[in-house]
Protein backbone atom coordinates (compact mmCIF):
# COMPACT_ATOMS: atom_id res chain seq x y z
CA MET A 1 70.64 92.24 81.59
CA ARG A 2 73.00 93.99 79.22
CA ILE A 3 73.84 97.66 78.79
CA GLU A 4 72.72 97.68 75.15
CA GLN A 5 69.23 96.54 76.19
CA LEU A 6 68.89 99.66 78.31
CA GLU A 7 70.19 101.74 75.40
CA TYR A 8 67.56 100.20 73.11
CA VAL A 9 64.67 101.06 75.44
CA ALA A 10 65.95 104.61 75.89
CA ALA A 11 66.28 105.00 72.09
CA VAL A 12 62.73 103.78 71.46
CA ALA A 13 61.40 106.20 74.07
CA ARG A 14 63.35 109.05 72.47
CA HIS A 15 62.52 108.30 68.80
CA GLY A 16 58.99 107.00 69.22
CA SER A 17 59.26 103.78 67.22
CA LEU A 18 61.29 100.58 66.96
CA ARG A 19 62.12 101.36 63.31
CA ARG A 20 63.53 104.83 63.96
CA ALA A 21 65.41 103.59 67.01
CA SER A 22 66.97 100.74 65.01
CA GLU A 23 68.02 103.15 62.26
CA HIS A 24 69.62 105.48 64.78
CA LEU A 25 71.47 102.65 66.54
CA HIS A 26 72.38 100.83 63.29
CA VAL A 27 70.77 97.65 64.62
CA SER A 28 68.20 95.56 62.74
CA GLN A 29 64.66 96.10 63.95
CA PRO A 30 64.02 92.39 64.73
CA ALA A 31 67.23 92.22 66.80
CA LEU A 32 66.30 95.37 68.72
CA SER A 33 62.76 94.14 69.36
CA GLU A 34 63.99 90.74 70.56
CA ALA A 35 66.53 92.34 72.92
CA VAL A 36 63.84 94.55 74.48
CA SER A 37 61.50 91.53 74.81
CA LYS A 38 64.22 89.59 76.65
CA LEU A 39 64.67 92.52 79.05
CA GLU A 40 60.91 92.65 79.64
CA ARG A 41 60.85 88.94 80.46
CA GLU A 42 63.84 89.32 82.80
CA LEU A 43 62.28 92.27 84.65
CA GLY A 44 58.74 90.87 84.52
CA VAL A 45 57.51 94.22 83.22
CA THR A 46 56.05 95.39 79.90
CA LEU A 47 58.23 98.32 78.88
CA LEU A 48 56.88 99.07 75.39
CA GLU A 49 53.39 99.17 73.96
CA ARG A 50 53.84 98.04 70.36
CA ARG A 51 51.32 99.50 67.88
CA ARG A 52 51.09 99.76 64.11
CA ASP A 53 51.91 103.47 64.16
CA GLY A 54 54.95 102.96 66.38
CA ALA A 55 55.99 101.94 69.88
CA ARG A 56 55.15 103.86 73.03
CA ILE A 57 56.77 103.39 76.37
CA THR A 58 54.35 102.19 79.04
CA LEU A 59 53.64 103.94 82.32
CA ARG A 60 55.69 101.34 84.17
CA GLY A 61 58.39 101.72 81.53
CA LYS A 62 58.51 105.48 82.17
CA GLU A 63 59.03 104.83 85.86
CA LEU A 64 61.98 102.53 85.12
CA LEU A 65 63.37 104.66 82.30
CA GLU A 66 64.77 107.18 84.80
CA HIS A 67 66.79 104.42 86.43
CA MET A 68 67.97 103.12 83.04
CA VAL A 69 69.18 106.56 82.04
CA GLY A 70 70.99 106.83 85.38
CA VAL A 71 72.78 103.54 84.70
CA LEU A 72 73.74 104.67 81.18
CA ASP A 73 75.07 107.97 82.52
CA ALA A 74 77.13 106.10 85.11
CA VAL A 75 78.57 103.87 82.37
CA ASP A 76 79.54 106.97 80.37
CA ARG A 77 81.29 108.45 83.41
CA LEU A 78 83.12 105.19 84.02
CA GLN A 79 84.33 105.02 80.42
CA SER A 80 85.45 108.65 80.51
CA ALA A 81 87.33 108.09 83.77
CA ALA A 82 89.00 104.96 82.37
CA ALA A 83 90.07 106.83 79.25
CA THR A 84 91.47 109.67 81.36
CA THR A 85 93.39 107.24 83.56
CA ALA A 86 94.82 105.41 80.58
CA ALA A 87 95.94 108.65 78.94
CA ARG A 88 97.39 110.43 81.96
CA ALA A 89 101.08 110.83 82.40
CA ILE A 90 103.08 108.43 84.54
CA ARG A 91 104.41 110.55 87.39
CA VAL A 92 107.97 109.85 88.53
CA GLY A 93 109.66 111.63 91.41
CA THR A 94 113.45 111.50 91.32
CA VAL A 95 116.40 112.90 93.22
CA ASN A 96 118.17 113.38 89.86
CA ALA A 97 121.17 111.17 90.58
CA GLY A 98 120.02 108.45 88.18
CA THR A 99 118.52 110.68 85.50
CA ALA A 100 121.25 110.47 82.86
CA SER A 101 122.27 106.83 83.22
CA LEU A 102 118.95 105.24 84.20
CA LEU A 103 115.74 107.24 83.96
CA LEU A 104 116.21 108.93 80.58
CA PRO A 105 117.22 105.70 78.77
CA ALA A 106 114.27 103.88 80.37
CA ILE A 107 111.84 106.60 79.23
CA ARG A 108 113.28 106.40 75.72
CA ASP A 109 112.74 102.62 75.67
CA PHE A 110 109.26 103.04 77.15
CA ARG A 111 108.13 105.40 74.39
CA LEU A 112 109.39 103.16 71.59
CA GLY A 113 106.46 100.80 72.09
CA ARG A 114 104.01 103.45 73.29
CA PRO A 115 104.28 106.54 71.05
CA GLY A 116 101.36 108.24 72.80
CA ALA A 117 102.60 107.57 76.34
CA ARG A 118 103.52 110.51 78.56
CA VAL A 119 105.91 110.62 81.51
CA GLU A 120 106.02 113.48 84.00
CA VAL A 121 109.36 113.74 85.83
CA ARG A 122 109.53 115.77 89.04
CA ALA A 123 112.86 116.62 90.68
CA LEU A 124 112.22 116.30 94.43
CA GLN A 125 113.90 115.45 97.71
CA GLN A 126 113.47 112.00 99.22
CA ASP A 127 110.91 113.00 101.85
CA GLU A 128 108.82 114.72 99.15
CA ILE A 129 108.99 111.61 96.98
CA GLU A 130 107.89 109.35 99.83
CA ALA A 131 104.99 111.69 100.64
CA GLY A 132 103.94 111.85 96.97
CA LEU A 133 103.92 108.06 96.67
CA ALA A 134 101.89 107.73 99.85
CA ASP A 135 99.17 110.19 98.76
CA GLY A 136 99.05 108.94 95.15
CA SER A 137 100.40 112.07 93.46
CA LEU A 138 103.41 110.01 92.29
CA ASP A 139 103.49 106.54 90.72
CA LEU A 140 107.19 105.76 91.05
CA GLY A 141 110.09 107.24 92.97
CA LEU A 142 113.88 107.11 92.61
CA VAL A 143 115.87 107.87 95.76
CA ASN A 144 119.47 107.57 96.98
CA VAL A 145 120.26 105.65 100.14
CA LEU A 146 123.40 105.65 102.28
CA GLY A 147 123.85 102.33 104.04
CA ASP A 148 120.81 100.20 104.85
CA PRO A 149 117.46 101.57 103.60
CA ALA A 150 114.63 102.51 105.96
CA PHE A 151 111.46 103.34 104.06
CA PRO A 152 107.92 104.05 105.37
CA ALA A 153 105.86 100.91 105.98
CA ASN A 154 103.42 101.75 103.16
CA LEU A 155 106.15 101.72 100.50
CA ARG A 156 108.15 98.92 98.94
CA GLY A 157 111.50 99.30 97.26
CA ALA A 158 113.90 97.56 94.91
CA GLU A 159 117.59 98.39 94.65
CA LEU A 160 118.54 99.47 91.13
CA LYS A 161 122.14 100.66 91.43
CA ARG A 162 124.93 100.43 93.95
CA GLY A 163 128.04 102.59 93.88
CA ARG A 164 130.11 104.98 95.96
CA PRO A 165 130.40 108.75 96.38
CA VAL A 166 133.06 110.31 94.16
CA ALA A 167 134.58 113.75 93.68
CA VAL A 168 133.27 115.45 90.54
CA LEU A 169 135.75 117.90 89.01
CA PRO A 170 136.02 120.07 85.89
CA GLY A 171 137.67 118.06 83.15
CA ALA A 172 140.84 120.19 83.10
CA HIS A 173 141.13 120.65 86.87
CA PRO A 174 144.58 120.04 88.42
CA LEU A 175 143.09 117.53 90.89
CA ALA A 176 142.01 115.40 87.89
CA ALA A 177 145.69 114.42 87.51
CA GLN A 178 145.51 112.56 90.85
CA ALA A 179 144.36 108.96 91.20
CA GLU A 180 142.33 109.91 94.31
CA VAL A 181 141.07 113.11 95.89
CA SER A 182 141.11 113.59 99.65
CA ALA A 183 138.74 115.51 101.88
CA GLU A 184 141.58 117.96 102.48
CA ASP A 185 141.91 118.50 98.70
CA LEU A 186 138.23 119.34 98.47
CA ARG A 187 138.37 121.68 101.46
CA GLY A 188 140.73 123.87 99.46
CA GLU A 189 138.29 124.16 96.54
CA THR A 190 135.08 126.09 96.03
CA PHE A 191 132.56 123.40 96.89
CA VAL A 192 129.22 122.83 95.15
CA GLY A 193 127.12 121.05 97.76
CA MET A 194 123.64 119.61 97.66
CA ARG A 195 121.11 121.48 99.75
CA ALA A 196 120.14 120.08 103.16
CA GLY A 197 117.73 117.17 102.73
CA TYR A 198 119.75 115.41 100.01
CA VAL A 199 121.75 112.28 100.78
CA MET A 200 124.92 113.80 99.34
CA HIS A 201 124.59 116.79 101.70
CA ARG A 202 124.56 114.37 104.61
CA PHE A 203 127.58 112.54 103.22
CA ALA A 204 129.54 115.78 102.66
CA MET A 205 128.87 116.92 106.22
CA ARG A 206 130.14 113.57 107.48
CA LEU A 207 133.23 113.72 105.24
CA PHE A 208 134.26 117.27 106.14
CA GLY A 209 133.22 117.17 109.79
CA SER A 210 133.62 120.51 111.53
CA ARG A 211 136.06 121.81 108.89
CA LEU A 212 133.93 122.75 105.91
CA PRO A 213 135.26 124.24 102.65
CA ALA A 214 135.60 128.02 102.94
CA VAL A 215 133.37 128.68 99.92
CA TRP A 216 130.25 126.54 99.57
CA HIS A 217 127.56 126.93 96.87
CA SER A 218 124.28 125.11 97.55
CA VAL A 219 122.20 123.63 94.73
CA ASP A 220 119.08 121.55 94.31
CA GLY A 221 119.94 118.20 92.76
CA ALA A 222 122.78 116.49 90.95
CA GLU A 223 122.02 117.96 87.52
CA MET A 224 122.53 121.56 88.66
CA GLY A 225 125.63 120.53 90.59
CA LYS A 226 127.19 118.96 87.49
CA MET A 227 126.43 122.05 85.43
CA LEU A 228 128.22 124.32 87.91
CA VAL A 229 131.22 122.00 87.94
CA ALA A 230 131.29 121.93 84.12
CA GLU A 231 131.39 125.74 84.15
CA GLY A 232 134.45 125.65 86.40
CA LEU A 233 132.62 127.06 89.42
CA GLY A 234 133.74 124.41 91.87
CA ALA A 235 133.86 120.70 92.71
CA THR A 236 131.14 118.51 94.13
CA ILE A 237 130.48 115.01 95.48
CA LEU A 238 127.92 112.72 93.85
CA PRO A 239 127.24 108.97 93.51
CA ASP A 240 129.43 107.57 90.73
CA TYR A 241 126.36 106.30 88.86
CA SER A 242 125.09 109.87 88.67
CA VAL A 243 128.00 110.79 86.42
CA HIS A 244 128.60 107.61 84.39
CA GLY A 245 127.01 108.13 80.98
CA ASP A 246 126.25 111.80 81.57
CA PRO A 247 126.69 113.96 78.43
CA LEU A 248 128.95 116.34 80.38
CA ALA A 249 131.23 113.45 81.29
CA ARG A 250 131.17 112.03 77.76
CA GLY A 251 132.19 115.46 76.46
CA GLY A 252 135.09 115.72 78.92
CA LEU A 253 133.62 118.75 80.71
CA ILE A 254 133.50 116.90 84.04
CA THR A 255 135.39 113.91 85.42
CA VAL A 256 135.31 111.84 88.63
CA ARG A 257 137.93 110.63 91.08
CA PRO A 258 137.53 108.28 94.07
CA ILE A 259 137.58 109.86 97.51
CA LYS A 260 140.66 108.74 99.42
CA ASP A 261 140.11 106.39 102.38
CA ASP A 262 136.33 106.29 101.83
CA ARG A 263 134.35 103.17 100.95
CA THR A 264 130.86 104.38 101.87
CA PRO A 265 128.20 102.55 99.79
CA VAL A 266 125.41 104.53 98.16
CA ALA A 267 122.51 102.98 96.26
CA MET A 268 119.58 104.06 94.15
CA TRP A 269 116.22 102.49 94.95
CA LEU A 270 112.95 102.36 93.05
CA LEU A 271 109.98 103.01 95.36
CA ARG A 272 106.26 102.42 94.87
CA ARG A 273 103.17 102.03 97.03
CA LYS A 274 102.37 98.71 98.64
CA ALA A 275 99.05 97.04 97.78
CA ALA A 276 98.39 99.53 94.99
CA ARG A 277 96.96 98.39 91.64
CA LEU A 278 98.73 100.75 89.28
CA PRO A 279 98.13 101.05 85.53
CA ALA A 280 99.95 98.49 83.39
CA ALA A 281 102.02 101.30 81.87
CA VAL A 282 103.50 102.06 85.31
CA ASP A 283 104.54 98.42 85.68
CA GLY A 284 106.02 98.62 82.20
CA LEU A 285 108.18 101.63 83.05
CA ALA A 286 109.26 100.01 86.34
CA ALA A 287 110.33 96.88 84.42
CA LEU A 288 112.36 99.00 81.99
CA LEU A 289 114.06 100.76 84.89
CA ALA A 290 115.02 97.36 86.28
CA ALA A 291 116.30 96.26 82.86
CA ARG A 292 118.36 99.43 82.49
CA SER A 293 119.73 98.86 85.98
CA ALA A 294 120.83 95.34 85.02
CA ALA A 295 122.52 96.69 81.88
CA TYR A 296 124.26 99.36 83.94
CA GLY A 297 125.48 96.75 86.43
CA ALA A 298 126.94 94.68 83.63
CA THR A 299 129.04 97.60 82.36
CA HIS A 300 129.86 99.18 85.76
CA PRO A 301 130.34 96.28 88.19
């Protein structure tokens, strides 16, 4: 049994003859008649009463026609759902730290071969990203990790970048003349800190201990932090890979210095759901993120 056979029977019932049905469907009349005959033999039921003045659906055919129409409607819904899924945006949750050097270049590469593809980027905290991946509202997630990762059991991850926290300063700041910046140096500056819930907030609290900078601005995400630093409103701490390649750094508006006596590792991980069959486009973007990560590692070992 084939879908077009059901379509042929429904068309004959609607148009009242094999000829008119074949004209409507752009199928030759003999081919349409033979297809319906094969369906009748398969079902063991006479569906059409063929007469010189046309074809009429039989009583038994009328009883089965309702089921045929139901199948055809279900096929239409399936095709519509598939088209919607194929066209929907790929949803990426990110903590922002890899946006400039990783995510944006990967999206640019992704769209080169898929001009109609859409990517929706959401700036979120790590717990929000993990929750979004678990409930299916996100396809991919980019998160920062201090030390060894510990992700929920329903997620799998791949490390994309590894670096270290660095001090981010205005390009013309006096501390930029130093080879390294100490925690004490940063305590004397207006500090632009990530809001609680971000990895860099946890690192800053560990670095400063009980003696926090006197003036502390809180922001959501690395991008806003870099903008405040570029405007001369303070200094911040971010993963080095968050600044490498950033337009603000390329333009000399911000610069980075290592933090004295600190060798804490920080890494960016790509997260996705386990045992989830995602659209091929999602796999394509994930592969491009991995490729961009490899390129970044080659230039920033």
